[in-house]
Amino acid sequence: MNAFKRQCIALRKQDRTLPEIVRMTGRPKTSVFFHIRDIALSARKQRRIREASRMRILKAAKTRKGKSGRTFKKFYTWDQNSVFLISHLLFDGEIRLNACIYNNRSRALIERVEKAMKKIYDFEPNRYQDKKTGVSRIGYYNVMLSPYLKRKSELLLEEITHLPKELRRVFLRSFFDDEGCIDFKPADGTRRVRGYQKNKKTLEIVEELLLCFDIRSRIQLPNEVVIVGKQNLLKFQKEINFSPGVRINGKRSNSVWKKHFEKRDLLKRAVDSYVL
């Protein structure tokens, strides 16, 4: 065994990393690695390396202009603002590793989500509108805010069925504003409220929450919760409803009405169409 090989092995057994041995020996990385590749670092050393790497990432993130250097207010209890914000990010939004995105055609909802976010994060979002579809998008790019709100979204799904009734109402209205539609076809007597969601567990939560308001629904495969029947629709109209300013897209090729009705107005038409 030559002297260089013995030196590399001895340093590795002292729990030295590859870069450390390279600096200490002055030899190329590939030459050092050849002699130490089968000698693992201790578990303690590996933990220290991972922690140092994590701290470097956090430090770098904080120095990024316009990103995680911008602080936000944490919240520790649920209220109408926090349930509204998190639920909309869950349904018509997206919480990525470094960004919170919300998409909607309704200008009213976009503005309300911005207002809700303003209460915890006092910076303007990036804005974009697809001229072809009319869908607007707002994005908050912050690598500290996003993981925090991601944890809050998971917590909300766990806790929403046990929160006060008014907060359950906020959650349901967010769901149907973002994911819901009203089917009303006078010609064949179709009257129903539908809500789409690819996550079946979320649909089950919605179904359970509706029962809290004595509204019966059913989960219809593959990805919808459906409300039908005069009494159920009346209760939905009274207890949940759609928010003002949330409209159906009358430009869709399959649109029955061919114009932009507010969903709450179309629901009223459907309910009023029942023969007394």
C-alpha atoms as a PDB file:
ATOM      1  CA  MET A   1       0.000   0.000   0.000  1.00  0.00           C
ATOM      2  CA  ASN A   2       1.552   3.314  -1.022  1.00  0.00           C
ATOM      3  CA  ALA A   3       1.830   6.287   1.294  1.00  0.00           C
ATOM      4  CA  PHE A   4      -0.905   8.333  -0.430  1.00  0.00           C
ATOM      5  CA  LYS A   5      -3.403   5.506  -0.178  1.00  0.00           C
ATOM      6  CA  ARG A   6      -2.589   4.990   3.520  1.00  0.00           C
ATOM      7  CA  GLN A   7      -3.021   8.735   4.128  1.00  0.00           C
ATOM      8  CA  CYS A   8      -6.414   8.806   2.426  1.00  0.00           C
ATOM      9  CA  ILE A   9      -7.670   5.793   4.364  1.00  0.00           C
ATOM     10  CA  ALA A  10      -6.396   7.180   7.676  1.00  0.00           C
ATOM     11  CA  LEU A  11      -8.078  10.543   7.103  1.00  0.00           C
ATOM     12  CA  ARG A  12     -11.339   8.863   6.083  1.00  0.00           C
ATOM     13  CA  LYS A  13     -11.307   6.783   9.263  1.00  0.00           C
ATOM     14  CA  GLN A  14     -11.029  10.083  11.123  1.00  0.00           C
ATOM     15  CA  ASP A  15     -14.433  10.912   9.574  1.00  0.00           C
ATOM     16  CA  ARG A  16     -13.087  13.371   7.035  1.00  0.00           C
ATOM     17  CA  THR A  17     -15.190  14.156   3.985  1.00  0.00           C
ATOM     18  CA  LEU A  18     -13.964  13.913   0.408  1.00  0.00           C
ATOM     19  CA  PRO A  19     -13.509  17.716   0.039  1.00  0.00           C
ATOM     20  CA  GLU A  20     -11.610  17.823   3.341  1.00  0.00           C
ATOM     21  CA  ILE A  21      -9.206  15.073   2.271  1.00  0.00           C
ATOM     22  CA  VAL A  22      -8.677  16.751  -1.094  1.00  0.00           C
ATOM     23  CA  ARG A  23      -7.711  19.993   0.656  1.00  0.00           C
ATOM     24  CA  MET A  24      -5.442  18.221   3.143  1.00  0.00           C
ATOM     25  CA  THR A  25      -3.597  16.121   0.558  1.00  0.00           C
ATOM     26  CA  GLY A  26      -3.612  18.537  -2.329  1.00  0.00           C
ATOM     27  CA  ARG A  27      -4.472  15.703  -4.689  1.00  0.00           C
ATOM     28  CA  PRO A  28      -7.319  15.505  -7.248  1.00  0.00           C
ATOM     29  CA  LYS A  29     -10.777  14.492  -6.104  1.00  0.00           C
ATOM     30  CA  THR A  30     -10.893  11.445  -8.370  1.00  0.00           C
ATOM     31  CA  SER A  31      -7.605  10.139  -6.965  1.00  0.00           C
ATOM     32  CA  VAL A  32      -8.792  10.510  -3.376  1.00  0.00           C
ATOM     33  CA  PHE A  33     -12.208   9.017  -4.060  1.00  0.00           C
ATOM     34  CA  PHE A  34     -10.676   5.874  -5.573  1.00  0.00           C
ATOM     35  CA  HIS A  35      -9.111   5.016  -2.201  1.00  0.00           C
ATOM     36  CA  ILE A  36     -11.987   5.925   0.145  1.00  0.00           C
ATOM     37  CA  ARG A  37     -15.084   4.978  -1.875  1.00  0.00           C
ATOM     38  CA  ASP A  38     -15.771   1.868   0.219  1.00  0.00           C
ATOM     39  CA  ILE A  39     -15.347   3.584   3.598  1.00  0.00           C
ATOM     40  CA  ALA A  40     -18.583   5.260   4.720  1.00  0.00           C
ATOM     41  CA  LEU A  41     -18.797   8.304   6.912  1.00  0.00           C
ATOM     42  CA  SER A  42     -20.307   7.820  10.344  1.00  0.00           C
ATOM     43  CA  ALA A  43     -24.040   8.371  10.794  1.00  0.00           C
ATOM     44  CA  ARG A  44     -23.272  11.353  13.017  1.00  0.00           C
ATOM     45  CA  LYS A  45     -21.101  12.971  10.335  1.00  0.00           C
ATOM     46  CA  GLN A  46     -23.770  12.393   7.684  1.00  0.00           C
ATOM     47  CA  ARG A  47     -26.385  14.081   9.890  1.00  0.00           C
ATOM     48  CA  ARG A  48     -24.093  17.066  10.359  1.00  0.00           C
ATOM     49  CA  ILE A  49     -23.560  17.326   6.602  1.00  0.00           C
ATOM     50  CA  ARG A  50     -27.315  17.216   5.918  1.00  0.00           C
ATOM     51  CA  GLU A  51     -27.981  19.868   8.550  1.00  0.00           C
ATOM     52  CA  ALA A  52     -25.217  22.106   7.189  1.00  0.00           C
ATOM     53  CA  SER A  53     -26.675  21.697   3.713  1.00  0.00           C
ATOM     54  CA  ARG A  54     -30.154  22.593   4.950  1.00  0.00           C
ATOM     55  CA  MET A  55     -28.862  25.709   6.673  1.00  0.00           C
ATOM     56  CA  ARG A  56     -27.049  26.813   3.532  1.00  0.00           C
ATOM     57  CA  ILE A  57     -30.247  26.430   1.527  1.00  0.00           C
ATOM     58  CA  LEU A  58     -32.209  28.479   4.069  1.00  0.00           C
ATOM     59  CA  LYS A  59     -29.543  31.149   4.171  1.00  0.00           C
ATOM     60  CA  ALA A  60     -29.451  31.360   0.390  1.00  0.00           C
ATOM     61  CA  ALA A  61     -33.241  31.504   0.209  1.00  0.00           C
ATOM     62  CA  LYS A  62     -33.366  34.441   2.614  1.00  0.00           C
ATOM     63  CA  THR A  63     -30.997  36.435   0.451  1.00  0.00           C
ATOM     64  CA  ARG A  64     -33.055  35.964  -2.692  1.00  0.00           C
ATOM     65  CA  LYS A  65     -34.649  39.260  -3.602  1.00  0.00           C
ATOM     66  CA  GLY A  66     -38.431  39.176  -3.536  1.00  0.00           C
ATOM     67  CA  LYS A  67     -38.596  35.618  -2.249  1.00  0.00           C
ATOM     68  CA  SER A  68     -38.280  34.186   1.236  1.00  0.00           C
ATOM     69  CA  GLY A  69     -36.581  37.270   2.637  1.00  0.00           C
ATOM     70  CA  ARG A  70     -40.095  38.643   2.890  1.00  0.00           C
ATOM     71  CA  THR A  71     -41.630  37.707   6.192  1.00  0.00           C
ATOM     72  CA  PHE A  72     -45.221  36.642   6.840  1.00  0.00           C
ATOM     73  CA  LYS A  73     -47.523  36.373   9.840  1.00  0.00           C
ATOM     74  CA  LYS A  74     -48.121  32.926  11.226  1.00  0.00           C
ATOM     75  CA  PHE A  75     -51.560  32.041  12.564  1.00  0.00           C
ATOM     76  CA  TYR A  76     -52.329  29.540  15.282  1.00  0.00           C
ATOM     77  CA  THR A  77     -56.121  29.317  15.279  1.00  0.00           C
ATOM     78  CA  TRP A  78     -58.617  29.009  12.459  1.00  0.00           C
ATOM     79  CA  ASP A  79     -60.843  31.956  11.584  1.00  0.00           C
ATOM     80  CA  GLN A  80     -62.885  32.911   8.533  1.00  0.00           C
ATOM     81  CA  ASN A  81     -59.934  34.555   6.770  1.00  0.00           C
ATOM     82  CA  SER A  82     -57.523  31.647   7.236  1.00  0.00           C
ATOM     83  CA  VAL A  83     -60.105  28.981   6.264  1.00  0.00           C
ATOM     84  CA  PHE A  84     -61.101  31.044   3.220  1.00  0.00           C
ATOM     85  CA  LEU A  85     -57.506  31.503   2.068  1.00  0.00           C
ATOM     86  CA  ILE A  86     -56.303  27.937   2.613  1.00  0.00           C
ATOM     87  CA  SER A  87     -59.412  26.332   1.138  1.00  0.00           C
ATOM     88  CA  HIS A  88     -59.191  28.378  -2.057  1.00  0.00           C
ATOM     89  CA  LEU A  89     -55.508  27.484  -2.430  1.00  0.00           C
ATOM     90  CA  LEU A  90     -56.541  23.848  -2.024  1.00  0.00           C
ATOM     91  CA  PHE A  91     -59.313  23.891  -4.621  1.00  0.00           C
ATOM     92  CA  ASP A  92     -58.508  26.264  -7.472  1.00  0.00           C
ATOM     93  CA  GLY A  93     -54.943  26.829  -6.412  1.00  0.00           C
ATOM     94  CA  GLU A  94     -51.653  25.096  -5.992  1.00  0.00           C
ATOM     95  CA  ILE A  95     -49.105  25.146  -3.191  1.00  0.00           C
ATOM     96  CA  ARG A  96     -45.727  24.360  -4.693  1.00  0.00           C
ATOM     97  CA  LEU A  97     -42.303  24.097  -3.094  1.00  0.00           C
ATOM     98  CA  ASN A  98     -41.623  27.787  -3.666  1.00  0.00           C
ATOM     99  CA  ALA A  99     -44.964  29.334  -4.617  1.00  0.00           C
ATOM    100  CA  CYS A 100     -48.655  29.640  -3.813  1.00  0.00           C
ATOM    101  CA  ILE A 101     -50.793  29.976  -6.942  1.00  0.00           C
ATOM    102  CA  TYR A 102     -54.492  30.737  -7.332  1.00  0.00           C
ATOM    103  CA  ASN A 103     -56.431  30.597 -10.621  1.00  0.00           C
ATOM    104  CA  ASN A 104     -59.961  31.741 -11.314  1.00  0.00           C
ATOM    105  CA  ARG A 105     -62.071  33.434 -13.955  1.00  0.00           C
ATOM    106  CA  SER A 106     -63.940  35.435 -11.301  1.00  0.00           C
ATOM    107  CA  ARG A 107     -62.352  38.830 -10.675  1.00  0.00           C
ATOM    108  CA  ALA A 108     -64.294  38.990  -7.393  1.00  0.00           C
ATOM    109  CA  LEU A 109     -62.712  35.783  -6.091  1.00  0.00           C
ATOM    110  CA  ILE A 110     -59.221  36.764  -7.230  1.00  0.00           C
ATOM    111  CA  GLU A 111     -59.544  40.034  -5.318  1.00  0.00           C
ATOM    112  CA  ARG A 112     -60.902  38.302  -2.207  1.00  0.00           C
ATOM    113  CA  VAL A 113     -58.042  35.791  -2.173  1.00  0.00           C
ATOM    114  CA  GLU A 114     -55.561  38.666  -2.554  1.00  0.00           C
ATOM    115  CA  LYS A 115     -57.234  40.463   0.357  1.00  0.00           C
ATOM    116  CA  ALA A 116     -57.109  37.329   2.515  1.00  0.00           C
ATOM    117  CA  MET A 117     -53.420  36.761   1.743  1.00  0.00           C
ATOM    118  CA  LYS A 118     -52.690  40.410   2.551  1.00  0.00           C
ATOM    119  CA  LYS A 119     -53.558  39.728   6.185  1.00  0.00           C
ATOM    120  CA  ILE A 120     -50.592  37.391   6.570  1.00  0.00           C
ATOM    121  CA  TYR A 121     -48.254  38.423   3.730  1.00  0.00           C
ATOM    122  CA  ASP A 122     -47.950  42.114   2.941  1.00  0.00           C
ATOM    123  CA  PHE A 123     -46.553  41.866  -0.596  1.00  0.00           C
ATOM    124  CA  GLU A 124     -48.171  42.036  -3.995  1.00  0.00           C
ATOM    125  CA  PRO A 125     -48.496  38.840  -6.055  1.00  0.00           C
ATOM    126  CA  ASN A 126     -47.365  38.289  -9.619  1.00  0.00           C
ATOM    127  CA  ARG A 127     -50.411  38.589 -11.853  1.00  0.00           C
ATOM    128  CA  TYR A 128     -51.251  37.034 -15.193  1.00  0.00           C
ATOM    129  CA  GLN A 129     -54.390  36.652 -17.286  1.00  0.00           C
ATOM    130  CA  ASP A 130     -54.952  34.244 -20.121  1.00  0.00           C
ATOM    131  CA  LYS A 131     -56.666  36.420 -22.714  1.00  0.00           C
ATOM    132  CA  LYS A 132     -58.047  33.386 -24.501  1.00  0.00           C
ATOM    133  CA  THR A 133     -59.752  31.720 -21.533  1.00  0.00           C
ATOM    134  CA  GLY A 134     -60.241  34.752 -19.288  1.00  0.00           C
ATOM    135  CA  VAL A 135     -58.676  32.906 -16.352  1.00  0.00           C
ATOM    136  CA  SER A 136     -56.580  35.080 -14.044  1.00  0.00           C
ATOM    137  CA  ARG A 137     -53.681  33.826 -11.954  1.00  0.00           C
ATOM    138  CA  ILE A 138     -51.960  35.292  -8.935  1.00  0.00           C
ATOM    139  CA  GLY A 139     -48.720  33.867  -7.589  1.00  0.00           C
ATOM    140  CA  TYR A 140     -46.855  34.397  -4.327  1.00  0.00           C
ATOM    141  CA  TYR A 141     -43.243  33.243  -4.636  1.00  0.00           C
ATOM    142  CA  ASN A 142     -41.692  32.653  -1.233  1.00  0.00           C
ATOM    143  CA  VAL A 143     -39.830  29.487  -0.243  1.00  0.00           C
ATOM    144  CA  MET A 144     -40.692  29.958   3.441  1.00  0.00           C
ATOM    145  CA  LEU A 145     -44.363  30.847   3.025  1.00  0.00           C
ATOM    146  CA  SER A 146     -45.202  27.934   0.721  1.00  0.00           C
ATOM    147  CA  PRO A 147     -44.157  25.050   3.024  1.00  0.00           C
ATOM    148  CA  TYR A 148     -45.914  26.787   5.901  1.00  0.00           C
ATOM    149  CA  LEU A 149     -49.206  27.062   4.015  1.00  0.00           C
ATOM    150  CA  LYS A 150     -48.781  23.522   2.711  1.00  0.00           C
ATOM    151  CA  ARG A 151     -48.729  22.258   6.301  1.00  0.00           C
ATOM    152  CA  LYS A 152     -51.745  24.416   7.099  1.00  0.00           C
ATOM    153  CA  SER A 153     -53.670  22.973   4.144  1.00  0.00           C
ATOM    154  CA  GLU A 154     -53.036  19.427   5.386  1.00  0.00           C
ATOM    155  CA  LEU A 155     -54.084  20.459   8.883  1.00  0.00           C
ATOM    156  CA  LEU A 156     -57.286  22.100   7.632  1.00  0.00           C
ATOM    157  CA  LEU A 157     -58.405  18.897   5.912  1.00  0.00           C
ATOM    158  CA  GLU A 158     -57.814  17.014   9.159  1.00  0.00           C
ATOM    159  CA  GLU A 159     -59.659  19.521  11.362  1.00  0.00           C
ATOM    160  CA  ILE A 160     -62.414  21.101   9.260  1.00  0.00           C
ATOM    161  CA  THR A 161     -65.144  18.636  10.288  1.00  0.00           C
ATOM    162  CA  HIS A 162     -64.569  19.599  13.931  1.00  0.00           C
ATOM    163  CA  LEU A 163     -64.414  23.376  13.485  1.00  0.00           C
ATOM    164  CA  PRO A 164     -67.337  25.717  14.244  1.00  0.00           C
ATOM    165  CA  LYS A 165     -70.242  25.612  11.824  1.00  0.00           C
ATOM    166  CA  GLU A 166     -69.512  29.028  10.332  1.00  0.00           C
ATOM    167  CA  LEU A 167     -66.007  27.916   9.357  1.00  0.00           C
ATOM    168  CA  ARG A 168     -67.397  24.737   7.802  1.00  0.00           C
ATOM    169  CA  ARG A 169     -69.695  26.988   5.760  1.00  0.00           C
ATOM    170  CA  VAL A 170     -66.711  29.044   4.559  1.00  0.00           C
ATOM    171  CA  PHE A 171     -64.913  25.861   3.492  1.00  0.00           C
ATOM    172  CA  LEU A 172     -67.949  24.554   1.572  1.00  0.00           C
ATOM    173  CA  ARG A 173     -68.573  27.838  -0.189  1.00  0.00           C
ATOM    174  CA  SER A 174     -64.919  27.971  -1.242  1.00  0.00           C
ATOM    175  CA  PHE A 175     -65.244  24.456  -2.623  1.00  0.00           C
ATOM    176  CA  PHE A 176     -68.370  25.137  -4.659  1.00  0.00           C
ATOM    177  CA  ASP A 177     -67.156  28.579  -5.824  1.00  0.00           C
ATOM    178  CA  ASP A 178     -63.985  26.998  -7.182  1.00  0.00           C
ATOM    179  CA  GLU A 179     -65.043  23.498  -8.139  1.00  0.00           C
ATOM    180  CA  GLY A 180     -68.813  23.697  -8.395  1.00  0.00           C
ATOM    181  CA  CYS A 181     -71.400  24.282 -11.081  1.00  0.00           C
ATOM    182  CA  ILE A 182     -75.166  24.417 -11.342  1.00  0.00           C
ATOM    183  CA  ASP A 183     -76.899  22.275 -13.949  1.00  0.00           C
ATOM    184  CA  PHE A 184     -80.310  23.681 -14.798  1.00  0.00           C
ATOM    185  CA  LYS A 185     -81.982  22.513 -17.997  1.00  0.00           C
ATOM    186  CA  PRO A 186     -85.670  23.455 -18.003  1.00  0.00           C
ATOM    187  CA  ALA A 187     -86.343  21.339 -21.074  1.00  0.00           C
ATOM    188  CA  ASP A 188     -85.679  18.058 -19.297  1.00  0.00           C
ATOM    189  CA  GLY A 189     -86.102  19.149 -15.669  1.00  0.00           C
ATOM    190  CA  THR A 190     -82.427  18.812 -14.709  1.00  0.00           C
ATOM    191  CA  ARG A 191     -81.615  20.646 -11.490  1.00  0.00           C
ATOM    192  CA  ARG A 192     -78.434  19.795  -9.635  1.00  0.00           C
ATOM    193  CA  VAL A 193     -75.355  21.280  -8.026  1.00  0.00           C
ATOM    194  CA  ARG A 194     -72.088  19.475  -8.743  1.00  0.00           C
ATOM    195  CA  GLY A 195     -68.605  19.832  -7.322  1.00  0.00           C
ATOM    196  CA  TYR A 196     -65.522  18.315  -8.917  1.00  0.00           C
ATOM    197  CA  GLN A 197     -62.446  17.144  -7.010  1.00  0.00           C
ATOM    198  CA  LYS A 198     -59.888  14.545  -8.033  1.00  0.00           C
ATOM    199  CA  ASN A 199     -59.122  13.671  -4.405  1.00  0.00           C
ATOM    200  CA  LYS A 200     -61.821  11.267  -3.194  1.00  0.00           C
ATOM    201  CA  LYS A 201     -60.962  11.919   0.460  1.00  0.00           C
ATOM    202  CA  THR A 202     -61.772  15.599  -0.053  1.00  0.00           C
ATOM    203  CA  LEU A 203     -65.102  14.652  -1.654  1.00  0.00           C
ATOM    204  CA  GLU A 204     -65.906  12.541   1.404  1.00  0.00           C
ATOM    205  CA  ILE A 205     -65.113  15.512   3.643  1.00  0.00           C
ATOM    206  CA  VAL A 206     -67.423  17.726   1.566  1.00  0.00           C
ATOM    207  CA  GLU A 207     -70.194  15.118   1.750  1.00  0.00           C
ATOM    208  CA  GLU A 208     -69.807  14.944   5.541  1.00  0.00           C
ATOM    209  CA  LEU A 209     -69.811  18.728   5.917  1.00  0.00           C
ATOM    210  CA  LEU A 210     -72.959  19.071   3.827  1.00  0.00           C
ATOM    211  CA  LEU A 211     -74.729  16.711   6.231  1.00  0.00           C
ATOM    212  CA  CYS A 212     -73.910  19.165   9.022  1.00  0.00           C
ATOM    213  CA  PHE A 213     -76.322  21.514   7.226  1.00  0.00           C
ATOM    214  CA  ASP A 214     -78.833  18.713   6.614  1.00  0.00           C
ATOM    215  CA  ILE A 215     -77.955  18.671   2.898  1.00  0.00           C
ATOM    216  CA  ARG A 216     -77.821  15.211   1.410  1.00  0.00           C
ATOM    217  CA  SER A 217     -75.461  14.545  -1.470  1.00  0.00           C
ATOM    218  CA  ARG A 218     -73.830  11.617  -3.189  1.00  0.00           C
ATOM    219  CA  ILE A 219     -70.371  10.965  -4.544  1.00  0.00           C
ATOM    220  CA  GLN A 220     -70.632  10.136  -8.202  1.00  0.00           C
ATOM    221  CA  LEU A 221     -67.752   8.396  -9.888  1.00  0.00           C
ATOM    222  CA  PRO A 222     -65.235   9.258 -10.880  1.00  0.00           C
ATOM    223  CA  ASN A 223     -64.748  12.627  -9.193  1.00  0.00           C
ATOM    224  CA  GLU A 224     -67.916  14.515  -8.260  1.00  0.00           C
ATOM    225  CA  VAL A 225     -70.189  15.254  -5.355  1.00  0.00           C
ATOM    226  CA  VAL A 226     -73.777  15.850  -6.521  1.00  0.00           C
ATOM    227  CA  ILE A 227     -76.738  17.548  -4.826  1.00  0.00           C
ATOM    228  CA  VAL A 228     -80.246  16.962  -6.211  1.00  0.00           C
ATOM    229  CA  GLY A 229     -83.820  17.340  -4.990  1.00  0.00           C
ATOM    230  CA  LYS A 230     -85.858  20.399  -4.078  1.00  0.00           C
ATOM    231  CA  GLN A 231     -85.226  20.348  -0.328  1.00  0.00           C
ATOM    232  CA  ASN A 232     -81.501  19.754  -0.685  1.00  0.00           C
ATOM    233  CA  LEU A 233     -81.155  22.553  -3.221  1.00  0.00           C
ATOM    234  CA  LEU A 234     -83.217  24.913  -1.062  1.00  0.00           C
ATOM    235  CA  LYS A 235     -80.999  24.182   1.948  1.00  0.00           C
ATOM    236  CA  PHE A 236     -77.888  24.585  -0.167  1.00  0.00           C
ATOM    237  CA  GLN A 237     -79.168  27.940  -1.428  1.00  0.00           C
ATOM    238  CA  LYS A 238     -79.906  29.115   2.119  1.00  0.00           C
ATOM    239  CA  GLU A 239     -76.880  27.742   3.959  1.00  0.00           C
ATOM    240  CA  ILE A 240     -74.029  27.700   1.422  1.00  0.00           C
ATOM    241  CA  ASN A 241     -74.820  29.144  -2.014  1.00  0.00           C
ATOM    242  CA  PHE A 242     -72.282  30.576  -4.455  1.00  0.00           C
ATOM    243  CA  SER A 243     -70.510  33.876  -3.814  1.00  0.00           C
ATOM    244  CA  PRO A 244     -71.593  37.041  -5.656  1.00  0.00           C
ATOM    245  CA  GLY A 245     -69.581  37.562  -8.821  1.00  0.00           C
ATOM    246  CA  VAL A 246     -68.968  33.864  -9.487  1.00  0.00           C
ATOM    247  CA  ARG A 247     -70.287  33.168 -12.977  1.00  0.00           C
ATOM    248  CA  ILE A 248     -70.770  30.299 -15.383  1.00  0.00           C
ATOM    249  CA  ASN A 249     -68.762  30.545 -18.582  1.00  0.00           C
ATOM    250  CA  GLY A 250     -71.321  31.273 -21.273  1.00  0.00           C
ATOM    251  CA  LYS A 251     -68.711  30.983 -24.026  1.00  0.00           C
ATOM    252  CA  ARG A 252     -68.256  27.252 -23.596  1.00  0.00           C
ATOM    253  CA  SER A 253     -69.353  25.222 -26.586  1.00  0.00           C
ATOM    254  CA  ASN A 254     -71.680  23.137 -24.396  1.00  0.00           C
ATOM    255  CA  SER A 255     -73.203  26.111 -22.575  1.00  0.00           C
ATOM    256  CA  VAL A 256     -76.994  25.910 -22.361  1.00  0.00           C
ATOM    257  CA  TRP A 257     -77.486  29.628 -21.711  1.00  0.00           C
ATOM    258  CA  LYS A 258     -74.777  31.099 -23.968  1.00  0.00           C
ATOM    259  CA  LYS A 259     -74.124  33.981 -21.565  1.00  0.00           C
ATOM    260  CA  HIS A 260     -72.365  34.640 -18.273  1.00  0.00           C
ATOM    261  CA  PHE A 261     -74.946  34.009 -15.552  1.00  0.00           C
ATOM    262  CA  GLU A 262     -73.962  34.343 -11.913  1.00  0.00           C
ATOM    263  CA  LYS A 263     -74.126  30.860 -10.422  1.00  0.00           C
ATOM    264  CA  ARG A 264     -76.259  32.022  -7.497  1.00  0.00           C
ATOM    265  CA  ASP A 265     -78.806  33.522  -9.914  1.00  0.00           C
ATOM    266  CA  LEU A 266     -78.962  30.326 -11.934  1.00  0.00           C
ATOM    267  CA  LEU A 267     -79.420  28.345  -8.722  1.00  0.00           C
ATOM    268  CA  LYS A 268     -82.335  30.622  -7.806  1.00  0.00           C
ATOM    269  CA  ARG A 269     -83.916  29.980 -11.194  1.00  0.00           C
ATOM    270  CA  ALA A 270     -83.538  26.248 -10.696  1.00  0.00           C
ATOM    271  CA  VAL A 271     -85.094  26.336  -7.223  1.00  0.00           C
ATOM    272  CA  ASP A 272     -87.913  28.688  -8.296  1.00  0.00           C
ATOM    273  CA  SER A 273     -88.749  26.387 -11.221  1.00  0.00           C
ATOM    274  CA  TYR A 274     -90.113  23.675  -8.918  1.00  0.00           C
ATOM    275  CA  VAL A 275     -93.903  23.490  -9.092  1.00  0.00           C
ATOM    276  CA  LEU A 276     -95.288  24.539  -5.725  1.00  0.00           C
END
